[in-house]
Amino acid sequence: MPASADRLLFGTAGVPDSTPQTSTLSALQHLHGLGLDCLEMEFVRGVKIGSDTAAKVGAKARALGLSLSAHAPYYVNLNSPEPGKRLQSQDHLLRSARAAALCGAKSVVFHAGYYGASTPEKTYEAIRQEIGQVLSALRAERSPVLLRIETMGKSSQFGTLDEVLTLCKEVEGLQPCLDFSHLHARQGKANSYLDFHRILRKVEKRLGKAALKNIHIHISGIEYNPKGEVRHLNLPDSDFCYHEWIQALGDFDVEGTVVCESPARETDAAMLKNLYRSYRLKR
């Protein structure tokens, strides 16, 4: 992990709009110039990076001291009623992990799927079985990449906090991606210091202190309705209480990665990093 005066690394999901050239290599240089620490590569429309480019991305990230992660394709649905689509979803995760490993990335974040016509209980069991098969294949390949299941923002999606934490406790090798904006949007709650404190305490209680020392977080402003997430917003344009969220992260001494998904993600990421540093200096 890159050397940092802080315990948390801040960066962006994908190539920021202000990057001079639309490429991962250019984004790494740009983020470094902005004083940011990490990049989550977006494989969300498919894993299209070649081995030569992956090697260059990994070398560039190491030279600049930036940490890498990746996001698997959006169209993963491990609870699809169609066996072929479940197999395709497994393949998306395997290909994402292989590409991430070539780049030297540590984690692959993924959306597990939808409830559809299934009950939450049946959905849990189906997704648990599918993830187990993917992790078994990655262990056979000796993959160094962690799979991280994301908490989701729509009521139709598998991925409540309890579902994610229970799955991570039961399935060896699986880790969470805590999307605090999704947790807020899913019920219109989880938006105060006390709420953030309770979430982090629950993670610690269910997965142990080590989970808070290797955390992976998504954050942005968010618009939502009774069904959950609608779209991402810049943090200052949203109702998300990010000052209180920073305070909770600092009070728990969490360590790991914060990936900003706002439209102006590099601006919000830099703001959050400055807020975090200021809060820690006051302690």
C-alpha atoms as a PDB file:
ATOM      1  CA  MET A   1       0.000   0.000   0.000  1.00  0.00           C
ATOM      2  CA  PRO A   2       1.305   3.479  -0.806  1.00  0.00           C
ATOM      3  CA  ALA A   3       2.982   5.391   1.965  1.00  0.00           C
ATOM      4  CA  SER A   4       0.634   7.983   3.437  1.00  0.00           C
ATOM      5  CA  ALA A   5       0.542  10.263   6.457  1.00  0.00           C
ATOM      6  CA  ASP A   6      -3.064   9.161   6.838  1.00  0.00           C
ATOM      7  CA  ARG A   7      -4.727   5.845   7.480  1.00  0.00           C
ATOM      8  CA  LEU A   8      -7.146   6.158   4.560  1.00  0.00           C
ATOM      9  CA  LEU A   9      -6.408   6.446   0.850  1.00  0.00           C
ATOM     10  CA  PHE A  10      -8.724   8.628  -1.229  1.00  0.00           C
ATOM     11  CA  GLY A  11      -9.333   8.366  -4.948  1.00  0.00           C
ATOM     12  CA  THR A  12     -11.868   8.020  -7.729  1.00  0.00           C
ATOM     13  CA  ALA A  13     -14.028   5.484  -9.495  1.00  0.00           C
ATOM     14  CA  GLY A  14     -12.736   5.509 -13.038  1.00  0.00           C
ATOM     15  CA  VAL A  15     -11.043   8.229 -15.071  1.00  0.00           C
ATOM     16  CA  PRO A  16     -11.953  11.727 -13.794  1.00  0.00           C
ATOM     17  CA  ASP A  17     -13.521  14.065 -16.365  1.00  0.00           C
ATOM     18  CA  SER A  18     -10.700  16.558 -15.856  1.00  0.00           C
ATOM     19  CA  THR A  19      -8.059  14.051 -17.002  1.00  0.00           C
ATOM     20  CA  PRO A  20      -6.264  15.388 -20.109  1.00  0.00           C
ATOM     21  CA  GLN A  21      -6.608  12.060 -21.951  1.00  0.00           C
ATOM     22  CA  THR A  22      -9.303   9.452 -21.403  1.00  0.00           C
ATOM     23  CA  SER A  23      -7.137   6.544 -20.325  1.00  0.00           C
ATOM     24  CA  THR A  24      -6.224   4.786 -17.114  1.00  0.00           C
ATOM     25  CA  LEU A  25      -2.554   5.641 -17.560  1.00  0.00           C
ATOM     26  CA  SER A  26      -3.375   9.328 -17.920  1.00  0.00           C
ATOM     27  CA  ALA A  27      -5.755   9.150 -14.955  1.00  0.00           C
ATOM     28  CA  LEU A  28      -3.033   7.765 -12.703  1.00  0.00           C
ATOM     29  CA  GLN A  29      -0.735  10.675 -13.492  1.00  0.00           C
ATOM     30  CA  HIS A  30      -3.593  13.152 -13.057  1.00  0.00           C
ATOM     31  CA  LEU A  31      -4.687  11.745  -9.695  1.00  0.00           C
ATOM     32  CA  HIS A  32      -1.103  11.791  -8.464  1.00  0.00           C
ATOM     33  CA  GLY A  33      -0.868  15.454  -9.450  1.00  0.00           C
ATOM     34  CA  LEU A  34      -4.042  16.174  -7.484  1.00  0.00           C
ATOM     35  CA  GLY A  35      -2.568  14.582  -4.372  1.00  0.00           C
ATOM     36  CA  LEU A  36      -4.922  11.609  -4.422  1.00  0.00           C
ATOM     37  CA  ASP A  37      -3.946   8.063  -3.550  1.00  0.00           C
ATOM     38  CA  CYS A  38      -5.896   5.456  -5.486  1.00  0.00           C
ATOM     39  CA  LEU A  39      -7.962   4.550  -8.533  1.00  0.00           C
ATOM     40  CA  GLU A  40     -10.764   2.044  -8.965  1.00  0.00           C
ATOM     41  CA  MET A  41     -10.644   0.842 -12.559  1.00  0.00           C
ATOM     42  CA  GLU A  42     -14.106   0.554 -14.090  1.00  0.00           C
ATOM     43  CA  PHE A  43     -14.686  -2.744 -15.874  1.00  0.00           C
ATOM     44  CA  VAL A  44     -18.405  -2.012 -15.557  1.00  0.00           C
ATOM     45  CA  ARG A  45     -19.135  -2.293 -19.300  1.00  0.00           C
ATOM     46  CA  GLY A  46     -16.907  -5.318 -19.754  1.00  0.00           C
ATOM     47  CA  VAL A  47     -13.322  -6.389 -19.082  1.00  0.00           C
ATOM     48  CA  LYS A  48     -11.538  -4.935 -22.098  1.00  0.00           C
ATOM     49  CA  ILE A  49      -8.016  -4.264 -20.862  1.00  0.00           C
ATOM     50  CA  GLY A  50      -5.244  -6.235 -22.604  1.00  0.00           C
ATOM     51  CA  SER A  51      -2.292  -7.825 -20.847  1.00  0.00           C
ATOM     52  CA  ASP A  52       0.220  -5.298 -22.231  1.00  0.00           C
ATOM     53  CA  THR A  53      -1.847  -2.334 -21.088  1.00  0.00           C
ATOM     54  CA  ALA A  54      -2.462  -3.990 -17.724  1.00  0.00           C
ATOM     55  CA  ALA A  55       1.288  -4.367 -17.196  1.00  0.00           C
ATOM     56  CA  LYS A  56       1.816  -0.689 -18.029  1.00  0.00           C
ATOM     57  CA  VAL A  57      -0.981   0.362 -15.665  1.00  0.00           C
ATOM     58  CA  GLY A  58       0.502  -1.694 -12.849  1.00  0.00           C
ATOM     59  CA  ALA A  59       3.993  -0.311 -13.402  1.00  0.00           C
ATOM     60  CA  LYS A  60       2.687   3.251 -13.546  1.00  0.00           C
ATOM     61  CA  ALA A  61       0.671   2.847 -10.352  1.00  0.00           C
ATOM     62  CA  ARG A  62       3.666   1.410  -8.508  1.00  0.00           C
ATOM     63  CA  ALA A  63       5.955   4.180  -9.748  1.00  0.00           C
ATOM     64  CA  LEU A  64       3.505   6.844  -8.550  1.00  0.00           C
ATOM     65  CA  GLY A  65       2.665   5.084  -5.281  1.00  0.00           C
ATOM     66  CA  LEU A  66      -1.024   4.695  -6.111  1.00  0.00           C
ATOM     67  CA  SER A  67      -3.232   1.809  -5.000  1.00  0.00           C
ATOM     68  CA  LEU A  68      -5.512   0.071  -7.526  1.00  0.00           C
ATOM     69  CA  SER A  69      -8.823  -1.746  -7.295  1.00  0.00           C
ATOM     70  CA  ALA A  70     -11.408  -2.653  -9.935  1.00  0.00           C
ATOM     71  CA  HIS A  71     -15.176  -2.816 -10.372  1.00  0.00           C
ATOM     72  CA  ALA A  72     -16.676  -5.828 -12.161  1.00  0.00           C
ATOM     73  CA  PRO A  73     -19.325  -5.468 -14.907  1.00  0.00           C
ATOM     74  CA  TYR A  74     -22.719  -4.130 -13.850  1.00  0.00           C
ATOM     75  CA  TYR A  75     -24.555  -6.985 -15.516  1.00  0.00           C
ATOM     76  CA  VAL A  76     -23.529  -9.603 -12.973  1.00  0.00           C
ATOM     77  CA  ASN A  77     -26.625 -11.334 -11.577  1.00  0.00           C
ATOM     78  CA  LEU A  78     -25.766 -14.392  -9.519  1.00  0.00           C
ATOM     79  CA  ASN A  79     -29.467 -14.951  -8.779  1.00  0.00           C
ATOM     80  CA  SER A  80     -30.641 -15.053 -12.383  1.00  0.00           C
ATOM     81  CA  PRO A  81     -33.304 -17.740 -13.010  1.00  0.00           C
ATOM     82  CA  GLU A  82     -31.345 -18.657 -16.145  1.00  0.00           C
ATOM     83  CA  PRO A  83     -28.374 -20.994 -15.498  1.00  0.00           C
ATOM     84  CA  GLY A  84     -26.524 -19.568 -18.505  1.00  0.00           C
ATOM     85  CA  LYS A  85     -26.666 -16.053 -17.101  1.00  0.00           C
ATOM     86  CA  ARG A  86     -25.410 -17.256 -13.730  1.00  0.00           C
ATOM     87  CA  LEU A  87     -22.450 -18.904 -15.473  1.00  0.00           C
ATOM     88  CA  GLN A  88     -21.830 -15.697 -17.445  1.00  0.00           C
ATOM     89  CA  SER A  89     -21.889 -13.761 -14.182  1.00  0.00           C
ATOM     90  CA  GLN A  90     -19.293 -16.095 -12.703  1.00  0.00           C
ATOM     91  CA  ASP A  91     -17.168 -15.578 -15.795  1.00  0.00           C
ATOM     92  CA  HIS A  92     -17.450 -11.774 -15.482  1.00  0.00           C
ATOM     93  CA  LEU A  93     -16.103 -12.005 -11.943  1.00  0.00           C
ATOM     94  CA  LEU A  94     -13.297 -14.379 -12.877  1.00  0.00           C
ATOM     95  CA  ARG A  95     -12.214 -12.237 -15.835  1.00  0.00           C
ATOM     96  CA  SER A  96     -12.360  -9.102 -13.669  1.00  0.00           C
ATOM     97  CA  ALA A  97     -10.164 -10.708 -11.010  1.00  0.00           C
ATOM     98  CA  ARG A  98      -7.658 -11.938 -13.599  1.00  0.00           C
ATOM     99  CA  ALA A  99      -7.398  -8.502 -15.209  1.00  0.00           C
ATOM    100  CA  ALA A 100      -7.119  -6.841 -11.803  1.00  0.00           C
ATOM    101  CA  ALA A 101      -4.280  -9.185 -10.862  1.00  0.00           C
ATOM    102  CA  LEU A 102      -2.400  -8.304 -14.052  1.00  0.00           C
ATOM    103  CA  CYS A 103      -2.641  -4.631 -13.036  1.00  0.00           C
ATOM    104  CA  GLY A 104      -1.551  -5.303  -9.470  1.00  0.00           C
ATOM    105  CA  ALA A 105      -4.963  -4.335  -8.074  1.00  0.00           C
ATOM    106  CA  LYS A 106      -5.869  -5.664  -4.656  1.00  0.00           C
ATOM    107  CA  SER A 107      -9.663  -5.914  -4.856  1.00  0.00           C
ATOM    108  CA  VAL A 108     -12.570  -6.401  -7.252  1.00  0.00           C
ATOM    109  CA  VAL A 109     -15.899  -4.878  -6.223  1.00  0.00           C
ATOM    110  CA  PHE A 110     -19.115  -6.362  -7.598  1.00  0.00           C
ATOM    111  CA  HIS A 111     -22.897  -6.097  -7.465  1.00  0.00           C
ATOM    112  CA  ALA A 112     -24.212  -9.570  -6.615  1.00  0.00           C
ATOM    113  CA  GLY A 113     -27.637  -9.453  -8.261  1.00  0.00           C
ATOM    114  CA  TYR A 114     -31.384  -8.973  -7.841  1.00  0.00           C
ATOM    115  CA  TYR A 115     -34.075 -10.672  -5.786  1.00  0.00           C
ATOM    116  CA  GLY A 116     -36.376 -11.011  -8.799  1.00  0.00           C
ATOM    117  CA  ALA A 117     -39.212 -13.409  -7.944  1.00  0.00           C
ATOM    118  CA  SER A 118     -37.178 -15.070  -5.165  1.00  0.00           C
ATOM    119  CA  THR A 119     -37.435 -14.408  -1.459  1.00  0.00           C
ATOM    120  CA  PRO A 120     -34.460 -12.693   0.202  1.00  0.00           C
ATOM    121  CA  GLU A 121     -33.631 -16.006   1.889  1.00  0.00           C
ATOM    122  CA  LYS A 122     -33.563 -17.997  -1.365  1.00  0.00           C
ATOM    123  CA  THR A 123     -31.632 -15.190  -3.065  1.00  0.00           C
ATOM    124  CA  TYR A 124     -29.035 -15.296  -0.289  1.00  0.00           C
ATOM    125  CA  GLU A 125     -28.527 -19.039  -0.671  1.00  0.00           C
ATOM    126  CA  ALA A 126     -28.292 -18.846  -4.467  1.00  0.00           C
ATOM    127  CA  ILE A 127     -25.743 -16.024  -4.379  1.00  0.00           C
ATOM    128  CA  ARG A 128     -23.781 -17.744  -1.627  1.00  0.00           C
ATOM    129  CA  GLN A 129     -23.449 -20.863  -3.766  1.00  0.00           C
ATOM    130  CA  GLU A 130     -22.419 -18.940  -6.904  1.00  0.00           C
ATOM    131  CA  ILE A 131     -19.808 -16.846  -5.070  1.00  0.00           C
ATOM    132  CA  GLY A 132     -18.410 -19.990  -3.485  1.00  0.00           C
ATOM    133  CA  GLN A 133     -17.761 -21.436  -6.926  1.00  0.00           C
ATOM    134  CA  VAL A 134     -16.026 -18.265  -8.110  1.00  0.00           C
ATOM    135  CA  LEU A 135     -13.816 -18.128  -5.021  1.00  0.00           C
ATOM    136  CA  SER A 136     -12.955 -21.803  -5.386  1.00  0.00           C
ATOM    137  CA  ALA A 137     -11.768 -21.141  -8.937  1.00  0.00           C
ATOM    138  CA  LEU A 138      -9.711 -18.130  -7.835  1.00  0.00           C
ATOM    139  CA  ARG A 139      -8.086 -20.138  -5.053  1.00  0.00           C
ATOM    140  CA  ALA A 140      -7.164 -22.834  -7.587  1.00  0.00           C
ATOM    141  CA  GLU A 141      -5.529 -20.114  -9.688  1.00  0.00           C
ATOM    142  CA  ARG A 142      -3.759 -18.705  -6.600  1.00  0.00           C
ATOM    143  CA  SER A 143      -5.256 -15.310  -7.313  1.00  0.00           C
ATOM    144  CA  PRO A 144      -4.051 -12.550  -4.969  1.00  0.00           C
ATOM    145  CA  VAL A 145      -7.209 -10.488  -5.573  1.00  0.00           C
ATOM    146  CA  LEU A 146      -9.980 -10.074  -2.990  1.00  0.00           C
ATOM    147  CA  LEU A 147     -13.626 -10.171  -4.083  1.00  0.00           C
ATOM    148  CA  ARG A 148     -15.695  -7.475  -2.382  1.00  0.00           C
ATOM    149  CA  ILE A 149     -19.489  -7.610  -2.422  1.00  0.00           C
ATOM    150  CA  GLU A 150     -21.058  -4.145  -2.397  1.00  0.00           C
ATOM    151  CA  THR A 151     -23.932  -2.869  -0.276  1.00  0.00           C
ATOM    152  CA  MET A 152     -26.611  -1.747  -2.724  1.00  0.00           C
ATOM    153  CA  GLY A 153     -28.923   1.243  -2.952  1.00  0.00           C
ATOM    154  CA  LYS A 154     -32.150  -0.119  -4.451  1.00  0.00           C
ATOM    155  CA  SER A 155     -34.731  -2.271  -2.691  1.00  0.00           C
ATOM    156  CA  SER A 156     -34.781  -4.606  -5.713  1.00  0.00           C
ATOM    157  CA  GLN A 157     -31.077  -5.410  -5.315  1.00  0.00           C
ATOM    158  CA  PHE A 158     -29.471  -7.976  -3.045  1.00  0.00           C
ATOM    159  CA  GLY A 159     -27.088  -6.172  -0.718  1.00  0.00           C
ATOM    160  CA  THR A 160     -28.404  -4.872   2.587  1.00  0.00           C
ATOM    161  CA  LEU A 161     -25.737  -4.321   5.205  1.00  0.00           C
ATOM    162  CA  ASP A 162     -26.828  -7.442   7.089  1.00  0.00           C
ATOM    163  CA  GLU A 163     -26.853  -9.562   3.917  1.00  0.00           C
ATOM    164  CA  VAL A 164     -23.365  -8.433   2.967  1.00  0.00           C
ATOM    165  CA  LEU A 165     -21.871  -8.880   6.430  1.00  0.00           C
ATOM    166  CA  THR A 166     -23.477 -12.299   6.960  1.00  0.00           C
ATOM    167  CA  LEU A 167     -22.241 -13.504   3.579  1.00  0.00           C
ATOM    168  CA  CYS A 168     -18.728 -12.236   4.275  1.00  0.00           C
ATOM    169  CA  LYS A 169     -18.719 -14.008   7.639  1.00  0.00           C
ATOM    170  CA  GLU A 170     -19.917 -17.306   6.146  1.00  0.00           C
ATOM    171  CA  VAL A 171     -17.935 -17.361   2.892  1.00  0.00           C
ATOM    172  CA  GLU A 172     -14.177 -17.591   3.362  1.00  0.00           C
ATOM    173  CA  GLY A 173     -12.273 -15.104   1.243  1.00  0.00           C
ATOM    174  CA  LEU A 174     -15.178 -12.708   0.657  1.00  0.00           C
ATOM    175  CA  GLN A 175     -14.925  -9.099   1.916  1.00  0.00           C
ATOM    176  CA  PRO A 176     -17.372  -6.174   1.925  1.00  0.00           C
ATOM    177  CA  CYS A 177     -17.438  -2.958  -0.033  1.00  0.00           C
ATOM    178  CA  LEU A 178     -19.321  -0.489   2.140  1.00  0.00           C
ATOM    179  CA  ASP A 179     -21.177   1.985  -0.047  1.00  0.00           C
ATOM    180  CA  PHE A 180     -22.414   4.476   2.542  1.00  0.00           C
ATOM    181  CA  SER A 181     -24.394   6.422  -0.046  1.00  0.00           C
ATOM    182  CA  HIS A 182     -26.262   3.245  -0.997  1.00  0.00           C
ATOM    183  CA  LEU A 183     -26.955   2.484   2.654  1.00  0.00           C
ATOM    184  CA  HIS A 184     -28.401   5.982   3.014  1.00  0.00           C
ATOM    185  CA  ALA A 185     -30.467   5.818  -0.177  1.00  0.00           C
ATOM    186  CA  ARG A 186     -31.930   2.350   0.431  1.00  0.00           C
ATOM    187  CA  GLN A 187     -34.154   3.568   3.281  1.00  0.00           C
ATOM    188  CA  GLY A 188     -33.528   7.301   3.373  1.00  0.00           C
ATOM    189  CA  LYS A 189     -31.715   6.844   6.676  1.00  0.00           C
ATOM    190  CA  ALA A 190     -28.128   6.042   7.792  1.00  0.00           C
ATOM    191  CA  ASN A 191     -27.130   9.701   7.625  1.00  0.00           C
ATOM    192  CA  SER A 192     -25.859  10.852  11.014  1.00  0.00           C
ATOM    193  CA  TYR A 193     -22.789  10.360  13.170  1.00  0.00           C
ATOM    194  CA  LEU A 194     -24.714   7.868  15.294  1.00  0.00           C
ATOM    195  CA  ASP A 195     -25.812   5.934  12.190  1.00  0.00           C
ATOM    196  CA  PHE A 196     -22.278   5.809  10.780  1.00  0.00           C
ATOM    197  CA  HIS A 197     -20.945   4.769  14.185  1.00  0.00           C
ATOM    198  CA  ARG A 198     -23.488   1.929  14.376  1.00  0.00           C
ATOM    199  CA  ILE A 199     -22.572   0.704  10.884  1.00  0.00           C
ATOM    200  CA  LEU A 200     -18.868   0.597  11.654  1.00  0.00           C
ATOM    201  CA  ARG A 201     -19.504  -1.041  15.037  1.00  0.00           C
ATOM    202  CA  LYS A 202     -21.611  -3.701  13.324  1.00  0.00           C
ATOM    203  CA  VAL A 203     -18.818  -4.390  10.824  1.00  0.00           C
ATOM    204  CA  GLU A 204     -16.345  -4.731  13.685  1.00  0.00           C
ATOM    205  CA  LYS A 205     -18.664  -7.004  15.677  1.00  0.00           C
ATOM    206  CA  ARG A 206     -19.514  -9.292  12.753  1.00  0.00           C
ATOM    207  CA  LEU A 207     -16.182  -9.447  10.919  1.00  0.00           C
ATOM    208  CA  GLY A 208     -13.653  -8.427  13.561  1.00  0.00           C
ATOM    209  CA  LYS A 209     -11.348  -5.451  13.971  1.00  0.00           C
ATOM    210  CA  ALA A 210      -9.285  -6.579  10.985  1.00  0.00           C
ATOM    211  CA  ALA A 211     -12.188  -5.649   8.685  1.00  0.00           C
ATOM    212  CA  LEU A 212     -11.865  -2.017   9.751  1.00  0.00           C
ATOM    213  CA  LYS A 213      -8.122  -2.079   9.060  1.00  0.00           C
ATOM    214  CA  ASN A 214      -8.628  -3.187   5.459  1.00  0.00           C
ATOM    215  CA  ILE A 215     -11.804  -1.344   4.553  1.00  0.00           C
ATOM    216  CA  HIS A 216     -13.054  -0.527   1.064  1.00  0.00           C
ATOM    217  CA  ILE A 217     -15.613   2.269   0.818  1.00  0.00           C
ATOM    218  CA  HIS A 218     -17.678   3.884  -1.927  1.00  0.00           C
ATOM    219  CA  ILE A 219     -19.035   7.385  -1.358  1.00  0.00           C
ATOM    220  CA  SER A 220     -20.896  10.110  -3.236  1.00  0.00           C
ATOM    221  CA  GLY A 221     -23.854  12.387  -2.868  1.00  0.00           C
ATOM    222  CA  ILE A 222     -27.034  10.599  -3.860  1.00  0.00           C
ATOM    223  CA  GLU A 223     -30.582  11.264  -4.963  1.00  0.00           C
ATOM    224  CA  TYR A 224     -33.150   8.702  -3.870  1.00  0.00           C
ATOM    225  CA  ASN A 225     -36.866   7.943  -3.716  1.00  0.00           C
ATOM    226  CA  PRO A 226     -38.975   5.341  -1.844  1.00  0.00           C
ATOM    227  CA  LYS A 227     -37.456   2.579  -4.015  1.00  0.00           C
ATOM    228  CA  GLY A 228     -33.899   3.682  -3.207  1.00  0.00           C
ATOM    229  CA  GLU A 229     -31.072   5.075  -5.320  1.00  0.00           C
ATOM    230  CA  VAL A 230     -31.867   7.287  -8.330  1.00  0.00           C
ATOM    231  CA  ARG A 231     -28.521   8.842  -9.271  1.00  0.00           C
ATOM    232  CA  HIS A 232     -25.212  10.059  -7.882  1.00  0.00           C
ATOM    233  CA  LEU A 233     -24.722  13.701  -6.939  1.00  0.00           C
ATOM    234  CA  ASN A 234     -21.764  15.790  -5.867  1.00  0.00           C
ATOM    235  CA  LEU A 235     -21.513  15.697  -2.106  1.00  0.00           C
ATOM    236  CA  PRO A 236     -22.158  19.448  -1.521  1.00  0.00           C
ATOM    237  CA  ASP A 237     -25.322  19.168  -3.652  1.00  0.00           C
ATOM    238  CA  SER A 238     -26.753  16.312  -1.607  1.00  0.00           C
ATOM    239  CA  ASP A 239     -28.172  15.749   1.873  1.00  0.00           C
ATOM    240  CA  PHE A 240     -25.401  13.321   2.820  1.00  0.00           C
ATOM    241  CA  CYS A 241     -23.781  14.367   6.126  1.00  0.00           C
ATOM    242  CA  TYR A 242     -20.211  13.803   5.033  1.00  0.00           C
ATOM    243  CA  HIS A 243     -18.640  15.862   7.817  1.00  0.00           C
ATOM    244  CA  GLU A 244     -20.177  13.523  10.389  1.00  0.00           C
ATOM    245  CA  TRP A 245     -19.200  10.520   8.259  1.00  0.00           C
ATOM    246  CA  ILE A 246     -15.550  11.668   8.232  1.00  0.00           C
ATOM    247  CA  GLN A 247     -15.688  12.063  11.995  1.00  0.00           C
ATOM    248  CA  ALA A 248     -16.961   8.505  12.449  1.00  0.00           C
ATOM    249  CA  LEU A 249     -14.226   7.088  10.204  1.00  0.00           C
ATOM    250  CA  GLY A 250     -11.607   9.003  12.164  1.00  0.00           C
ATOM    251  CA  ASP A 251     -12.972   7.952  15.543  1.00  0.00           C
ATOM    252  CA  PHE A 252     -12.846   4.276  14.539  1.00  0.00           C
ATOM    253  CA  ASP A 253      -9.301   4.643  13.153  1.00  0.00           C
ATOM    254  CA  VAL A 254     -10.326   2.760  10.039  1.00  0.00           C
ATOM    255  CA  GLU A 255      -7.681   2.019   7.419  1.00  0.00           C
ATOM    256  CA  GLY A 256      -8.055   1.255   3.748  1.00  0.00           C
ATOM    257  CA  THR A 257      -9.529   2.859   0.644  1.00  0.00           C
ATOM    258  CA  VAL A 258     -12.219   5.456  -0.046  1.00  0.00           C
ATOM    259  CA  VAL A 259     -13.431   5.590  -3.656  1.00  0.00           C
ATOM    260  CA  CYS A 260     -15.473   8.626  -4.656  1.00  0.00           C
ATOM    261  CA  GLU A 261     -18.241   8.109  -7.234  1.00  0.00           C
ATOM    262  CA  SER A 262     -19.616  11.664  -7.458  1.00  0.00           C
ATOM    263  CA  PRO A 263     -19.951  13.255 -10.917  1.00  0.00           C
ATOM    264  CA  ALA A 264     -17.048  15.570  -9.962  1.00  0.00           C
ATOM    265  CA  ARG A 265     -15.337  12.680  -8.232  1.00  0.00           C
ATOM    266  CA  GLU A 266     -11.816  14.048  -8.151  1.00  0.00           C
ATOM    267  CA  THR A 267     -13.046  17.290  -6.560  1.00  0.00           C
ATOM    268  CA  ASP A 268     -15.076  15.489  -3.914  1.00  0.00           C
ATOM    269  CA  ALA A 269     -12.261  13.001  -3.242  1.00  0.00           C
ATOM    270  CA  ALA A 270      -9.759  15.807  -2.648  1.00  0.00           C
ATOM    271  CA  MET A 271     -12.254  17.608  -0.398  1.00  0.00           C
ATOM    272  CA  LEU A 272     -12.836  14.465   1.665  1.00  0.00           C
ATOM    273  CA  LYS A 273      -9.112  13.816   1.992  1.00  0.00           C
ATOM    274  CA  ASN A 274      -8.572  17.368   3.257  1.00  0.00           C
ATOM    275  CA  LEU A 275     -11.470  17.052   5.714  1.00  0.00           C
ATOM    276  CA  TYR A 276     -10.124  13.758   6.974  1.00  0.00           C
ATOM    277  CA  ARG A 277      -6.620  15.138   7.478  1.00  0.00           C
ATOM    278  CA  SER A 278      -7.988  18.211   9.253  1.00  0.00           C
ATOM    279  CA  TYR A 279     -10.075  16.081  11.598  1.00  0.00           C
ATOM    280  CA  ARG A 280      -7.171  13.794  12.481  1.00  0.00           C
ATOM    281  CA  LEU A 281      -4.907  16.764  13.169  1.00  0.00           C
ATOM    282  CA  LYS A 282      -7.436  18.104  15.682  1.00  0.00           C
ATOM    283  CA  ARG A 283      -7.564  14.845  17.656  1.00  0.00           C
END
